């Protein structure tokens, strides 16, 4: 048997709060989803005035990042993005009933080398979604670092 780390709701809440604080700072209305390792939401929050489509899009991004263990924008990153035409995974975005997101705004949550969940953001442009996502990851790193855990804080995560 293997002992597994599990992202807790309080940790997910902390991450959402950090992402929303960053979104507020940069002036963008976001929806933030923190999902567990299976891609199921622990916390989803849509800022007042954010698009009504945000909850589903942010969940799709968190789902993809958690379950496929990579940042969502890497599926389309040239020259060898696996979801680009002519590559082996072209069309992967049609998987899981359209729940698979292959554009910027989804990041796996990696603690001690293991993917324990995903963060998904919807509402900003790529740079804004990335800034809010990295803020969420940094908040978890700040919380868990003193406990001896390492949280990967980066935009281009591929496990």
N, C-alpha and C. Protein backbone atom coordinates (compact mmCIF):
# COMPACT_ATOMS: atom_id res chain seq x y z
N UNK A 1 0.84 -1.19 0.00
CA UNK A 1 0.00 0.00 0.00
C UNK A 1 0.88 1.25 0.00
N UNK A 2 0.35 2.28 -0.60
CA UNK A 2 1.04 3.56 -0.65
C UNK A 2 0.22 4.59 0.12
N UNK A 3 0.89 5.37 0.92
CA UNK A 3 0.23 6.48 1.59
C UNK A 3 0.17 7.64 0.61
N UNK A 4 -1.02 8.18 0.43
CA UNK A 4 -1.20 9.25 -0.55
C UNK A 4 -1.56 10.56 0.14
N UNK A 5 -1.04 11.64 -0.42
CA UNK A 5 -1.43 12.97 0.05
C UNK A 5 -2.79 13.31 -0.55
N UNK A 6 -3.63 13.96 0.21
CA UNK A 6 -4.96 14.38 -0.25
C UNK A 6 -5.13 15.86 0.02
N UNK A 7 -5.50 16.57 -1.01
CA UNK A 7 -5.78 17.99 -0.87
C UNK A 7 -7.05 18.15 -0.03
N UNK A 8 -6.99 19.00 0.96
CA UNK A 8 -8.11 19.21 1.88
C UNK A 8 -8.93 20.43 1.47
N UNK A 9 -10.22 20.45 1.80
CA UNK A 9 -11.06 21.60 1.45
C UNK A 9 -10.51 22.94 1.96
N UNK A 10 -9.94 22.96 3.15
CA UNK A 10 -9.40 24.22 3.68
C UNK A 10 -8.21 24.69 2.84
N UNK A 11 -7.42 23.76 2.35
CA UNK A 11 -6.29 24.12 1.48
C UNK A 11 -6.80 24.65 0.14
N UNK A 12 -7.84 23.99 -0.37
CA UNK A 12 -8.45 24.45 -1.62
C UNK A 12 -9.04 25.85 -1.46
N UNK A 13 -9.67 26.10 -0.34
CA UNK A 13 -10.25 27.42 -0.07
C UNK A 13 -9.15 28.50 -0.03
N UNK A 14 -8.03 28.18 0.61
CA UNK A 14 -6.90 29.09 0.67
C UNK A 14 -6.40 29.41 -0.74
N UNK A 15 -6.35 28.41 -1.59
CA UNK A 15 -5.88 28.61 -2.96
C UNK A 15 -6.84 29.49 -3.75
N UNK A 16 -8.13 29.25 -3.60
CA UNK A 16 -9.12 30.09 -4.28
C UNK A 16 -9.00 31.53 -3.80
N UNK A 17 -8.89 31.71 -2.50
CA UNK A 17 -8.76 33.07 -1.96
C UNK A 17 -7.55 33.79 -2.54
N UNK A 18 -6.43 33.08 -2.67
CA UNK A 18 -5.22 33.68 -3.22
C UNK A 18 -5.40 34.04 -4.69
N UNK A 19 -6.04 33.16 -5.45
CA UNK A 19 -6.28 33.43 -6.87
C UNK A 19 -7.21 34.63 -7.05
N UNK A 20 -8.22 34.72 -6.21
CA UNK A 20 -9.16 35.85 -6.30
C UNK A 20 -8.48 37.15 -5.87
N UNK A 21 -7.63 37.09 -4.88
CA UNK A 21 -6.89 38.29 -4.48
C UNK A 21 -6.01 38.78 -5.63
N UNK A 22 -5.34 37.86 -6.32
CA UNK A 22 -4.50 38.24 -7.45
C UNK A 22 -5.36 38.78 -8.58
N UNK A 23 -6.50 38.16 -8.84
CA UNK A 23 -7.41 38.61 -9.90
C UNK A 23 -7.92 40.02 -9.61
N UNK A 24 -8.25 40.27 -8.36
CA UNK A 24 -8.69 41.60 -7.95
C UNK A 24 -7.57 42.62 -8.16
N UNK A 25 -6.35 42.24 -7.77
CA UNK A 25 -5.19 43.12 -7.91
C UNK A 25 -4.94 43.50 -9.38
N UNK A 26 -5.12 42.54 -10.29
CA UNK A 26 -4.83 42.82 -11.71
C UNK A 26 -6.08 43.26 -12.49
N UNK A 27 -7.22 43.33 -11.79
CA UNK A 27 -8.42 43.89 -12.38
C UNK A 27 -9.16 42.98 -13.35
N UNK A 28 -9.24 41.70 -13.03
CA UNK A 28 -9.95 40.76 -13.90
C UNK A 28 -10.96 39.96 -13.07
N UNK A 29 -12.12 39.70 -13.66
CA UNK A 29 -13.15 38.92 -12.98
C UNK A 29 -12.98 37.45 -13.37
N UNK A 30 -12.63 36.64 -12.41
CA UNK A 30 -12.32 35.23 -12.65
C UNK A 30 -13.30 34.31 -11.94
N UNK A 31 -13.36 33.09 -12.46
CA UNK A 31 -13.91 31.97 -11.73
C UNK A 31 -12.75 31.02 -11.49
N UNK A 32 -12.67 30.51 -10.27
CA UNK A 32 -11.57 29.64 -9.87
C UNK A 32 -12.14 28.31 -9.39
N UNK A 33 -11.54 27.22 -9.88
CA UNK A 33 -11.92 25.88 -9.42
C UNK A 33 -10.68 25.16 -8.93
N UNK A 34 -10.77 24.58 -7.76
CA UNK A 34 -9.74 23.70 -7.25
C UNK A 34 -10.36 22.31 -7.20
N UNK A 35 -9.73 21.37 -7.92
CA UNK A 35 -10.24 20.00 -8.01
C UNK A 35 -9.29 19.04 -7.30
N UNK A 36 -9.82 17.90 -6.90
CA UNK A 36 -8.99 16.85 -6.31
C UNK A 36 -8.26 16.09 -7.41
N UNK A 37 -7.54 15.04 -7.04
CA UNK A 37 -6.74 14.29 -8.01
C UNK A 37 -7.57 13.61 -9.10
N UNK A 38 -8.84 13.39 -8.84
CA UNK A 38 -9.73 12.80 -9.83
C UNK A 38 -10.43 13.84 -10.69
N UNK A 39 -10.13 15.11 -10.45
CA UNK A 39 -10.72 16.18 -11.24
C UNK A 39 -12.06 16.67 -10.74
N UNK A 40 -12.47 16.24 -9.55
CA UNK A 40 -13.76 16.67 -9.02
C UNK A 40 -13.57 17.90 -8.13
N UNK A 41 -14.44 18.89 -8.28
CA UNK A 41 -14.26 20.15 -7.56
C UNK A 41 -14.33 20.01 -6.04
N UNK A 42 -13.38 20.66 -5.39
CA UNK A 42 -13.44 20.85 -3.95
C UNK A 42 -14.04 22.21 -3.64
N UNK A 43 -13.63 23.23 -4.43
CA UNK A 43 -14.16 24.58 -4.28
C UNK A 43 -14.22 25.22 -5.67
N UNK A 44 -15.35 25.81 -5.99
CA UNK A 44 -15.48 26.66 -7.19
C UNK A 44 -16.07 27.98 -6.72
N UNK A 45 -15.44 29.08 -7.15
CA UNK A 45 -15.98 30.39 -6.82
C UNK A 45 -15.92 31.29 -8.05
N UNK A 46 -17.06 31.92 -8.33
CA UNK A 46 -17.15 32.89 -9.43
C UNK A 46 -17.26 34.27 -8.81
N UNK A 47 -16.31 35.13 -9.17
CA UNK A 47 -16.34 36.49 -8.65
C UNK A 47 -17.60 37.20 -9.16
N UNK A 48 -18.12 38.10 -8.36
CA UNK A 48 -19.30 38.85 -8.77
C UNK A 48 -19.02 39.57 -10.09
N UNK A 49 -19.88 39.34 -11.06
CA UNK A 49 -19.73 39.95 -12.37
C UNK A 49 -18.97 39.11 -13.37
N UNK A 50 -18.34 38.01 -12.92
CA UNK A 50 -17.62 37.14 -13.84
C UNK A 50 -18.62 36.40 -14.73
N UNK A 51 -18.16 35.94 -15.86
CA UNK A 51 -19.03 35.26 -16.83
C UNK A 51 -19.71 34.04 -16.22
N UNK A 52 -20.95 33.82 -16.63
CA UNK A 52 -21.71 32.68 -16.10
C UNK A 52 -21.16 31.35 -16.63
N UNK A 53 -20.38 31.38 -17.69
CA UNK A 53 -19.78 30.16 -18.22
C UNK A 53 -18.52 29.76 -17.44
N UNK A 54 -18.04 30.65 -16.60
CA UNK A 54 -16.79 30.42 -15.88
C UNK A 54 -16.73 29.16 -15.04
N UNK A 55 -17.77 28.82 -14.28
CA UNK A 55 -17.67 27.62 -13.45
C UNK A 55 -17.39 26.35 -14.26
N UNK A 56 -18.07 26.17 -15.37
CA UNK A 56 -17.83 24.96 -16.16
C UNK A 56 -16.45 24.97 -16.81
N UNK A 57 -16.06 26.12 -17.35
CA UNK A 57 -14.76 26.21 -18.01
C UNK A 57 -13.63 26.01 -16.99
N UNK A 58 -13.72 26.64 -15.83
CA UNK A 58 -12.66 26.49 -14.83
C UNK A 58 -12.60 25.04 -14.33
N UNK A 59 -13.76 24.40 -14.18
CA UNK A 59 -13.78 22.99 -13.77
C UNK A 59 -13.12 22.13 -14.84
N UNK A 60 -13.43 22.38 -16.11
CA UNK A 60 -12.82 21.61 -17.19
C UNK A 60 -11.29 21.74 -17.15
N UNK A 61 -10.82 22.94 -16.93
CA UNK A 61 -9.36 23.16 -16.88
C UNK A 61 -8.75 22.44 -15.67
N UNK A 62 -9.38 22.54 -14.51
CA UNK A 62 -8.87 21.87 -13.31
C UNK A 62 -8.90 20.35 -13.51
N UNK A 63 -9.97 19.84 -14.09
CA UNK A 63 -10.12 18.41 -14.38
C UNK A 63 -8.97 17.93 -15.26
N UNK A 64 -8.73 18.65 -16.35
CA UNK A 64 -7.69 18.26 -17.30
C UNK A 64 -6.32 18.29 -16.66
N UNK A 65 -6.01 19.36 -15.93
CA UNK A 65 -4.70 19.49 -15.30
C UNK A 65 -4.47 18.39 -14.27
N UNK A 66 -5.49 18.10 -13.48
CA UNK A 66 -5.35 17.08 -12.44
C UNK A 66 -5.21 15.69 -13.03
N UNK A 67 -6.07 15.36 -13.95
CA UNK A 67 -6.12 13.97 -14.44
C UNK A 67 -5.07 13.66 -15.49
N UNK A 68 -4.63 14.67 -16.23
CA UNK A 68 -3.60 14.42 -17.25
C UNK A 68 -2.23 14.90 -16.79
N UNK A 69 -2.17 15.49 -15.60
CA UNK A 69 -0.93 15.83 -14.93
C UNK A 69 -0.04 16.79 -15.72
N UNK A 70 -0.68 17.78 -16.34
CA UNK A 70 0.10 18.81 -17.04
C UNK A 70 -0.72 20.07 -17.15
N UNK A 71 -0.02 21.17 -17.31
CA UNK A 71 -0.69 22.45 -17.54
C UNK A 71 -1.43 22.37 -18.87
N UNK A 72 -2.64 22.89 -18.89
CA UNK A 72 -3.51 22.69 -20.06
C UNK A 72 -2.97 23.33 -21.32
N UNK A 73 -2.29 24.47 -21.22
CA UNK A 73 -1.80 25.13 -22.43
C UNK A 73 -0.69 24.34 -23.12
N UNK A 74 -0.08 23.39 -22.44
CA UNK A 74 0.99 22.61 -23.05
C UNK A 74 0.48 21.67 -24.13
N UNK A 75 -0.82 21.42 -24.14
CA UNK A 75 -1.39 20.57 -25.20
C UNK A 75 -1.30 21.24 -26.57
N UNK A 76 -1.21 22.55 -26.59
CA UNK A 76 -1.16 23.29 -27.85
C UNK A 76 0.14 24.05 -28.05
N UNK A 77 1.10 23.84 -27.21
CA UNK A 77 2.36 24.58 -27.31
C UNK A 77 3.19 24.05 -28.48
N UNK A 78 3.47 24.92 -29.41
CA UNK A 78 4.24 24.55 -30.59
C UNK A 78 5.70 24.28 -30.19
N UNK A 79 6.43 23.48 -30.93
CA UNK A 79 6.02 22.86 -32.18
C UNK A 79 5.41 21.48 -32.01
N UNK A 80 5.52 20.89 -30.83
CA UNK A 80 5.11 19.49 -30.68
C UNK A 80 3.96 19.28 -29.70
N UNK A 81 3.10 20.27 -29.54
CA UNK A 81 1.95 20.10 -28.65
C UNK A 81 1.12 18.90 -29.10
N UNK A 82 0.83 17.98 -28.19
CA UNK A 82 0.15 16.75 -28.60
C UNK A 82 -1.25 16.95 -29.16
N UNK A 83 -1.89 18.09 -28.90
CA UNK A 83 -3.25 18.30 -29.40
C UNK A 83 -3.27 19.06 -30.72
N UNK A 84 -2.09 19.36 -31.28
CA UNK A 84 -2.03 20.09 -32.54
C UNK A 84 -2.28 19.15 -33.72
N UNK A 85 -2.87 19.64 -34.81
CA UNK A 85 -3.11 18.79 -35.98
C UNK A 85 -1.84 18.07 -36.43
N UNK A 86 -1.99 16.81 -36.74
CA UNK A 86 -0.87 16.01 -37.18
C UNK A 86 -0.16 15.27 -36.06
N UNK A 87 -0.44 15.61 -34.83
CA UNK A 87 0.18 14.93 -33.70
C UNK A 87 -0.72 13.84 -33.16
N UNK A 88 -0.13 12.95 -32.42
CA UNK A 88 -0.80 11.75 -31.94
C UNK A 88 -2.07 12.02 -31.14
N UNK A 89 -2.09 13.08 -30.33
CA UNK A 89 -3.24 13.35 -29.47
C UNK A 89 -4.20 14.38 -30.06
N UNK A 90 -4.05 14.67 -31.34
CA UNK A 90 -4.97 15.64 -31.95
C UNK A 90 -6.41 15.17 -31.75
N UNK A 91 -7.26 16.05 -31.27
CA UNK A 91 -8.66 15.74 -30.99
C UNK A 91 -8.92 15.35 -29.56
N UNK A 92 -7.88 15.30 -28.72
CA UNK A 92 -8.06 14.90 -27.33
C UNK A 92 -9.07 15.79 -26.60
N UNK A 93 -9.19 17.05 -27.07
CA UNK A 93 -10.12 17.98 -26.43
C UNK A 93 -11.57 17.53 -26.57
N UNK A 94 -11.83 16.55 -27.42
CA UNK A 94 -13.19 16.02 -27.56
C UNK A 94 -13.47 14.90 -26.57
N UNK A 95 -12.45 14.50 -25.82
CA UNK A 95 -12.59 13.42 -24.85
C UNK A 95 -13.42 13.85 -23.65
N UNK A 96 -13.93 12.86 -22.96
CA UNK A 96 -14.67 13.07 -21.72
C UNK A 96 -15.85 14.02 -21.91
N UNK A 97 -16.56 13.84 -23.00
CA UNK A 97 -17.75 14.65 -23.25
C UNK A 97 -17.43 16.12 -23.41
N UNK A 98 -16.26 16.43 -23.93
CA UNK A 98 -15.87 17.83 -24.12
C UNK A 98 -15.30 18.47 -22.87
N UNK A 99 -15.07 17.69 -21.82
CA UNK A 99 -14.57 18.22 -20.55
C UNK A 99 -13.06 18.46 -20.57
N UNK A 100 -12.39 17.96 -21.58
CA UNK A 100 -10.94 18.07 -21.67
C UNK A 100 -10.56 19.42 -22.25
N UNK A 101 -9.88 20.26 -21.49
CA UNK A 101 -9.52 21.62 -21.91
C UNK A 101 -8.07 21.67 -22.36
N UNK A 102 -7.83 22.25 -23.54
CA UNK A 102 -6.47 22.30 -24.07
C UNK A 102 -6.04 23.73 -24.36
N UNK A 103 -6.42 24.64 -23.48
CA UNK A 103 -5.99 26.03 -23.60
C UNK A 103 -5.59 26.54 -22.22
N UNK A 104 -4.97 27.68 -22.18
CA UNK A 104 -4.35 28.19 -20.96
C UNK A 104 -5.34 28.36 -19.81
N UNK A 105 -4.84 28.10 -18.60
CA UNK A 105 -5.65 28.35 -17.40
C UNK A 105 -5.86 27.16 -16.50
N UNK A 106 -5.22 26.03 -16.78
CA UNK A 106 -5.32 24.87 -15.91
C UNK A 106 -3.94 24.38 -15.52
N UNK A 107 -3.74 24.14 -14.22
CA UNK A 107 -2.42 23.77 -13.71
C UNK A 107 -2.55 22.63 -12.70
N UNK A 108 -1.73 21.59 -12.83
CA UNK A 108 -1.79 20.54 -11.81
C UNK A 108 -1.23 21.05 -10.49
N UNK A 109 -1.73 20.51 -9.42
CA UNK A 109 -1.22 20.82 -8.08
C UNK A 109 -0.31 19.66 -7.70
N UNK A 110 0.98 19.93 -7.63
CA UNK A 110 1.99 18.90 -7.39
C UNK A 110 2.62 19.13 -6.02
N UNK A 111 2.44 18.16 -5.14
CA UNK A 111 3.00 18.22 -3.79
C UNK A 111 3.91 17.01 -3.60
N UNK A 112 5.15 17.26 -3.24
CA UNK A 112 6.14 16.21 -3.04
C UNK A 112 6.22 15.27 -4.24
N UNK A 113 6.12 15.85 -5.43
CA UNK A 113 6.25 15.09 -6.66
C UNK A 113 5.00 14.36 -7.12
N UNK A 114 3.92 14.46 -6.37
CA UNK A 114 2.67 13.78 -6.72
C UNK A 114 1.59 14.79 -7.08
N UNK A 115 0.82 14.50 -8.12
CA UNK A 115 -0.29 15.37 -8.48
C UNK A 115 -1.46 15.06 -7.55
N UNK A 116 -1.87 16.08 -6.79
CA UNK A 116 -2.94 15.91 -5.80
C UNK A 116 -4.21 16.64 -6.22
N UNK A 117 -4.17 17.32 -7.36
CA UNK A 117 -5.34 18.05 -7.81
C UNK A 117 -5.00 18.96 -8.96
N UNK A 118 -5.93 19.87 -9.25
CA UNK A 118 -5.74 20.83 -10.32
C UNK A 118 -6.41 22.14 -9.98
N UNK A 119 -5.87 23.21 -10.53
CA UNK A 119 -6.49 24.53 -10.40
C UNK A 119 -6.87 24.98 -11.81
N UNK A 120 -8.10 25.46 -11.95
CA UNK A 120 -8.56 25.97 -13.23
C UNK A 120 -9.11 27.37 -13.07
N UNK A 121 -8.83 28.22 -14.05
CA UNK A 121 -9.28 29.62 -14.01
C UNK A 121 -9.94 29.98 -15.32
N UNK A 122 -10.97 30.80 -15.24
CA UNK A 122 -11.65 31.28 -16.43
C UNK A 122 -12.09 32.71 -16.20
N UNK A 123 -11.82 33.54 -17.18
CA UNK A 123 -12.28 34.92 -17.09
C UNK A 123 -11.28 35.92 -17.63
N UNK A 124 -10.03 35.62 -17.51
CA UNK A 124 -9.01 36.54 -17.99
C UNK A 124 -8.40 36.05 -19.28
N UNK A 125 -7.41 36.79 -19.76
CA UNK A 125 -6.64 36.30 -20.89
C UNK A 125 -5.62 35.30 -20.33
N UNK A 126 -4.80 34.74 -21.19
CA UNK A 126 -3.86 33.72 -20.75
C UNK A 126 -2.92 34.20 -19.67
N UNK A 127 -2.40 35.40 -19.81
CA UNK A 127 -1.48 35.95 -18.83
C UNK A 127 -2.16 36.15 -17.48
N UNK A 128 -3.40 36.62 -17.50
CA UNK A 128 -4.14 36.86 -16.26
C UNK A 128 -4.51 35.55 -15.57
N UNK A 129 -5.00 34.58 -16.36
CA UNK A 129 -5.33 33.27 -15.78
C UNK A 129 -4.09 32.64 -15.16
N UNK A 130 -2.95 32.78 -15.85
CA UNK A 130 -1.71 32.21 -15.34
C UNK A 130 -1.28 32.89 -14.05
N UNK A 131 -1.36 34.20 -13.99
CA UNK A 131 -0.97 34.92 -12.77
C UNK A 131 -1.81 34.48 -11.59
N UNK A 132 -3.11 34.34 -11.79
CA UNK A 132 -4.00 33.92 -10.69
C UNK A 132 -3.73 32.46 -10.30
N UNK A 133 -3.47 31.62 -11.29
CA UNK A 133 -3.18 30.21 -11.00
C UNK A 133 -1.88 30.04 -10.23
N UNK A 134 -0.85 30.77 -10.63
CA UNK A 134 0.43 30.71 -9.93
C UNK A 134 0.27 31.25 -8.49
N UNK A 135 -0.56 32.27 -8.31
CA UNK A 135 -0.82 32.79 -6.96
C UNK A 135 -1.46 31.72 -6.08
N UNK A 136 -2.37 30.94 -6.66
CA UNK A 136 -3.00 29.85 -5.91
C UNK A 136 -1.97 28.80 -5.51
N UNK A 137 -1.11 28.42 -6.45
CA UNK A 137 -0.07 27.44 -6.15
C UNK A 137 0.91 27.97 -5.10
N UNK A 138 1.24 29.25 -5.20
CA UNK A 138 2.17 29.85 -4.24
C UNK A 138 1.58 29.86 -2.83
N UNK A 139 0.29 30.12 -2.73
CA UNK A 139 -0.37 30.11 -1.41
C UNK A 139 -0.28 28.73 -0.77
N UNK A 140 -0.46 27.68 -1.58
CA UNK A 140 -0.34 26.33 -1.03
C UNK A 140 1.10 26.04 -0.64
N UNK A 141 2.05 26.50 -1.45
CA UNK A 141 3.47 26.32 -1.13
C UNK A 141 3.81 27.02 0.19
N UNK A 142 3.29 28.22 0.36
CA UNK A 142 3.55 28.97 1.59
C UNK A 142 2.97 28.27 2.82
N UNK A 143 1.83 27.63 2.64
CA UNK A 143 1.19 26.90 3.73
C UNK A 143 1.93 25.61 4.07
N UNK A 144 2.27 24.85 3.04
CA UNK A 144 2.82 23.51 3.26
C UNK A 144 4.33 23.47 3.41
N UNK A 145 5.02 24.50 2.91
CA UNK A 145 6.48 24.53 3.01
C UNK A 145 7.00 24.36 4.42
N UNK A 146 6.47 25.12 5.39
CA UNK A 146 6.94 24.97 6.77
C UNK A 146 6.67 23.58 7.36
N UNK A 147 5.76 22.83 6.74
CA UNK A 147 5.45 21.46 7.20
C UNK A 147 6.37 20.44 6.54
N UNK A 148 7.29 20.92 5.68
CA UNK A 148 8.23 20.02 5.04
C UNK A 148 7.80 19.50 3.69
N UNK A 149 6.75 20.07 3.12
CA UNK A 149 6.28 19.63 1.81
C UNK A 149 6.74 20.60 0.73
N UNK A 150 7.01 20.04 -0.44
CA UNK A 150 7.40 20.86 -1.59
C UNK A 150 6.24 20.94 -2.57
N UNK A 151 5.82 22.16 -2.89
CA UNK A 151 4.76 22.39 -3.87
C UNK A 151 5.40 23.02 -5.09
N UNK A 152 5.12 22.44 -6.25
CA UNK A 152 5.65 22.96 -7.50
C UNK A 152 4.85 24.21 -7.89
N UNK A 153 5.54 25.33 -8.01
CA UNK A 153 4.91 26.59 -8.35
C UNK A 153 5.49 27.03 -9.69
N UNK A 154 4.76 26.73 -10.76
CA UNK A 154 5.22 27.06 -12.12
C UNK A 154 4.03 27.03 -13.04
N UNK A 155 4.15 27.70 -14.17
CA UNK A 155 3.07 27.72 -15.16
C UNK A 155 3.15 26.52 -16.10
N UNK A 156 4.36 26.10 -16.45
CA UNK A 156 4.54 25.02 -17.42
C UNK A 156 4.85 23.71 -16.69
N UNK A 157 3.83 23.05 -16.17
CA UNK A 157 4.01 21.83 -15.41
C UNK A 157 3.62 20.63 -16.27
N UNK A 158 4.55 19.70 -16.36
CA UNK A 158 4.29 18.44 -17.09
C UNK A 158 4.85 17.31 -16.25
N UNK A 159 3.98 16.43 -15.76
CA UNK A 159 4.43 15.30 -14.91
C UNK A 159 4.33 14.03 -15.67
